[in-house]
C-alpha atoms as a PDB file:
ATOM      1  CA  UNK A   1    -122.081 160.385  50.010  1.00  0.00           C
ATOM      2  CA  UNK A   2    -125.404 160.914  51.721  1.00  0.00           C
ATOM      3  CA  UNK A   3    -126.068 160.994  55.438  1.00  0.00           C
ATOM      4  CA  UNK A   4    -129.531 160.258  56.812  1.00  0.00           C
ATOM      5  CA  UNK A   5    -130.814 161.131  60.258  1.00  0.00           C
ATOM      6  CA  UNK A   6    -134.162 159.896  61.521  1.00  0.00           C
ATOM      7  CA  UNK A   7    -136.159 161.488  64.302  1.00  0.00           C
ATOM      8  CA  UNK A   8    -139.658 161.520  65.710  1.00  0.00           C
ATOM      9  CA  UNK A   9    -139.744 158.154  67.413  1.00  0.00           C
ATOM     10  CA  UNK A  10    -140.806 157.675  70.994  1.00  0.00           C
ATOM     11  CA  UNK A  11    -143.349 156.180  73.314  1.00  0.00           C
ATOM     12  CA  UNK A  12    -146.972 156.233  72.193  1.00  0.00           C
ATOM     13  CA  UNK A  13    -150.184 154.608  73.337  1.00  0.00           C
ATOM     14  CA  UNK A  14    -152.167 152.222  71.112  1.00  0.00           C
ATOM     15  CA  UNK A  15    -154.319 154.180  68.713  1.00  0.00           C
ATOM     16  CA  UNK A  16    -151.884 157.068  68.681  1.00  0.00           C
ATOM     17  CA  UNK A  17    -150.134 158.815  65.808  1.00  0.00           C
ATOM     18  CA  UNK A  18    -146.482 159.461  65.062  1.00  0.00           C
ATOM     19  CA  UNK A  19    -144.687 161.198  62.240  1.00  0.00           C
ATOM     20  CA  UNK A  20    -141.118 160.142  61.661  1.00  0.00           C
ATOM     21  CA  UNK A  21    -138.715 162.385  59.785  1.00  0.00           C
ATOM     22  CA  UNK A  22    -135.611 161.581  57.808  1.00  0.00           C
ATOM     23  CA  UNK A  23    -133.275 164.427  56.902  1.00  0.00           C
ATOM     24  CA  UNK A  24    -130.710 163.799  54.208  1.00  0.00           C
ATOM     25  CA  UNK A  25    -127.489 165.755  53.808  1.00  0.00           C
ATOM     26  CA  UNK A  26    -124.557 165.536  51.443  1.00  0.00           C
ATOM     27  CA  UNK A  27    -125.078 164.550  47.817  1.00  0.00           C
ATOM     28  CA  UNK A  28    -128.849 164.545  48.051  1.00  0.00           C
ATOM     29  CA  UNK A  29    -129.253 165.438  44.381  1.00  0.00           C
ATOM     30  CA  UNK A  30    -128.264 161.858  43.605  1.00  0.00           C
ATOM     31  CA  UNK A  31    -131.146 160.422  45.583  1.00  0.00           C
ATOM     32  CA  UNK A  32    -134.252 159.439  43.700  1.00  0.00           C
ATOM     33  CA  UNK A  33    -136.126 157.392  46.272  1.00  0.00           C
ATOM     34  CA  UNK A  34    -136.704 157.134  49.984  1.00  0.00           C
ATOM     35  CA  UNK A  35    -137.966 154.062  51.764  1.00  0.00           C
ATOM     36  CA  UNK A  36    -138.781 153.149  55.329  1.00  0.00           C
ATOM     37  CA  UNK A  37    -138.006 149.869  57.041  1.00  0.00           C
ATOM     38  CA  UNK A  38    -138.571 148.647  60.545  1.00  0.00           C
ATOM     39  CA  UNK A  39    -136.988 146.021  62.749  1.00  0.00           C
ATOM     40  CA  UNK A  40    -139.076 144.690  65.634  1.00  0.00           C
ATOM     41  CA  UNK A  41    -137.249 143.164  68.598  1.00  0.00           C
ATOM     42  CA  UNK A  42    -135.705 139.821  67.654  1.00  0.00           C
ATOM     43  CA  UNK A  43    -136.859 140.053  64.050  1.00  0.00           C
ATOM     44  CA  UNK A  44    -135.374 140.961  60.703  1.00  0.00           C
ATOM     45  CA  UNK A  45    -135.624 144.348  59.119  1.00  0.00           C
ATOM     46  CA  UNK A  46    -138.697 144.630  56.881  1.00  0.00           C
ATOM     47  CA  UNK A  47    -139.923 147.114  54.315  1.00  0.00           C
ATOM     48  CA  UNK A  48    -142.722 149.424  55.459  1.00  0.00           C
ATOM     49  CA  UNK A  49    -143.377 152.061  52.806  1.00  0.00           C
ATOM     50  CA  UNK A  50    -141.523 154.027  50.193  1.00  0.00           C
ATOM     51  CA  UNK A  51    -141.654 156.860  47.730  1.00  0.00           C
ATOM     52  CA  UNK A  52    -139.962 157.152  44.382  1.00  0.00           C
ATOM     53  CA  UNK A  53    -138.990 160.789  44.047  1.00  0.00           C
ATOM     54  CA  UNK A  54    -139.591 161.183  40.344  1.00  0.00           C
ATOM     55  CA  UNK A  55    -143.014 159.629  40.247  1.00  0.00           C
ATOM     56  CA  UNK A  56    -143.944 160.392  43.870  1.00  0.00           C
ATOM     57  CA  UNK A  57    -145.630 157.038  44.011  1.00  0.00           C
ATOM     58  CA  UNK A  58    -146.325 155.531  47.394  1.00  0.00           C
ATOM     59  CA  UNK A  59    -145.748 151.901  48.097  1.00  0.00           C
ATOM     60  CA  UNK A  60    -147.028 149.936  51.048  1.00  0.00           C
ATOM     61  CA  UNK A  61    -145.583 146.624  51.975  1.00  0.00           C
ATOM     62  CA  UNK A  62    -148.178 145.047  54.168  1.00  0.00           C
ATOM     63  CA  UNK A  63    -151.952 144.999  54.471  1.00  0.00           C
ATOM     64  CA  UNK A  64    -151.827 146.143  58.070  1.00  0.00           C
ATOM     65  CA  UNK A  65    -150.326 149.407  56.865  1.00  0.00           C
ATOM     66  CA  UNK A  66    -153.056 150.293  54.406  1.00  0.00           C
ATOM     67  CA  UNK A  67    -154.864 153.402  55.509  1.00  0.00           C
ATOM     68  CA  UNK A  68    -152.519 153.791  58.458  1.00  0.00           C
ATOM     69  CA  UNK A  69    -149.120 154.424  56.962  1.00  0.00           C
ATOM     70  CA  UNK A  70    -148.168 157.159  54.509  1.00  0.00           C
ATOM     71  CA  UNK A  71    -144.677 157.890  53.254  1.00  0.00           C
ATOM     72  CA  UNK A  72    -143.763 161.212  51.681  1.00  0.00           C
ATOM     73  CA  UNK A  73    -140.560 162.595  50.237  1.00  0.00           C
ATOM     74  CA  UNK A  74    -139.487 166.033  49.144  1.00  0.00           C
ATOM     75  CA  UNK A  75    -136.335 165.629  47.056  1.00  0.00           C
ATOM     76  CA  UNK A  76    -135.697 169.390  46.943  1.00  0.00           C
ATOM     77  CA  UNK A  77    -135.602 169.581  50.729  1.00  0.00           C
ATOM     78  CA  UNK A  78    -133.949 166.223  51.194  1.00  0.00           C
ATOM     79  CA  UNK A  79    -136.527 165.296  53.804  1.00  0.00           C
ATOM     80  CA  UNK A  80    -138.833 162.347  54.052  1.00  0.00           C
ATOM     81  CA  UNK A  81    -141.645 161.508  56.425  1.00  0.00           C
ATOM     82  CA  UNK A  82    -143.482 158.436  57.607  1.00  0.00           C
ATOM     83  CA  UNK A  83    -146.887 159.175  59.077  1.00  0.00           C
ATOM     84  CA  UNK A  84    -148.342 156.347  61.104  1.00  0.00           C
ATOM     85  CA  UNK A  85    -151.817 156.431  62.598  1.00  0.00           C
ATOM     86  CA  UNK A  86    -153.833 154.036  64.765  1.00  0.00           C
ATOM     87  CA  UNK A  87    -150.620 152.546  66.093  1.00  0.00           C
ATOM     88  CA  UNK A  88    -150.658 149.088  67.642  1.00  0.00           C
ATOM     89  CA  UNK A  89    -148.201 147.236  69.852  1.00  0.00           C
ATOM     90  CA  UNK A  90    -147.161 145.258  66.770  1.00  0.00           C
ATOM     91  CA  UNK A  91    -145.768 148.492  65.344  1.00  0.00           C
ATOM     92  CA  UNK A  92    -143.088 148.594  68.043  1.00  0.00           C
ATOM     93  CA  UNK A  93    -139.742 148.561  66.263  1.00  0.00           C
ATOM     94  CA  UNK A  94    -136.697 150.544  65.280  1.00  0.00           C
ATOM     95  CA  UNK A  95    -137.564 152.469  62.144  1.00  0.00           C
ATOM     96  CA  UNK A  96    -134.938 153.189  59.505  1.00  0.00           C
ATOM     97  CA  UNK A  97    -135.010 155.375  56.441  1.00  0.00           C
ATOM     98  CA  UNK A  98    -133.232 154.233  53.324  1.00  0.00           C
ATOM     99  CA  UNK A  99    -132.268 156.680  50.615  1.00  0.00           C
ATOM    100  CA  UNK A 100    -131.338 155.389  47.215  1.00  0.00           C
ATOM    101  CA  UNK A 101    -129.763 156.604  44.029  1.00  0.00           C
ATOM    102  CA  UNK A 102    -129.340 154.542  40.892  1.00  0.00           C
ATOM    103  CA  UNK A 103    -126.056 153.200  42.235  1.00  0.00           C
ATOM    104  CA  UNK A 104    -126.064 153.571  46.029  1.00  0.00           C
ATOM    105  CA  UNK A 105    -128.145 152.887  49.094  1.00  0.00           C
ATOM    106  CA  UNK A 106    -127.854 154.828  52.348  1.00  0.00           C
ATOM    107  CA  UNK A 107    -129.232 154.102  55.801  1.00  0.00           C
ATOM    108  CA  UNK A 108    -129.937 156.190  58.846  1.00  0.00           C
ATOM    109  CA  UNK A 109    -129.188 155.083  62.371  1.00  0.00           C
ATOM    110  CA  UNK A 110    -132.816 154.358  63.179  1.00  0.00           C
ATOM    111  CA  UNK A 111    -135.360 155.751  65.600  1.00  0.00           C
ATOM    112  CA  UNK A 112    -137.170 153.694  68.211  1.00  0.00           C
ATOM    113  CA  UNK A 113    -140.960 153.541  68.217  1.00  0.00           C
ATOM    114  CA  UNK A 114    -142.574 151.884  71.214  1.00  0.00           C
ATOM    115  CA  UNK A 115    -146.327 151.405  71.358  1.00  0.00           C
ATOM    116  CA  UNK A 116    -147.542 150.488  74.805  1.00  0.00           C
ATOM    117  CA  UNK A 117    -150.452 151.128  77.087  1.00  0.00           C
END
C-alpha cells in the first residue's frame, strides 16, 4: 500500500506561481510513476502532467500548460512536485497526485488551488 499526501495549494493571484508537493509513504519502492490531475468546480477530473520515474520523462496534457507547468518526481525520496507559473483563474481546481506501480494506482486527498484577483 502507498499513501499520498498533497500540499502547497492555496489562494494566489493571476500571474502567480505555486509549487504543489506530493509525499508518498508505505511501499514507495513499487511506484514507478507520478501524475497530477485536477478537478475544477463542477467538472471531471483531468490529467495535468506526469513523470515516469524510470525515464524521468515529463508529459503535459494540454497546450495551456506548456511552458507553465512542470512535474518532477524523485522516486528515492518518494516526493513529487507540480510547479505552476503564470496562473490563471482557469487553473482553479482541486489538484490530486496519482502514484502508480505496474499493478496499482494510488490517489491523494487533493489540495485546493484558487486563482483570484
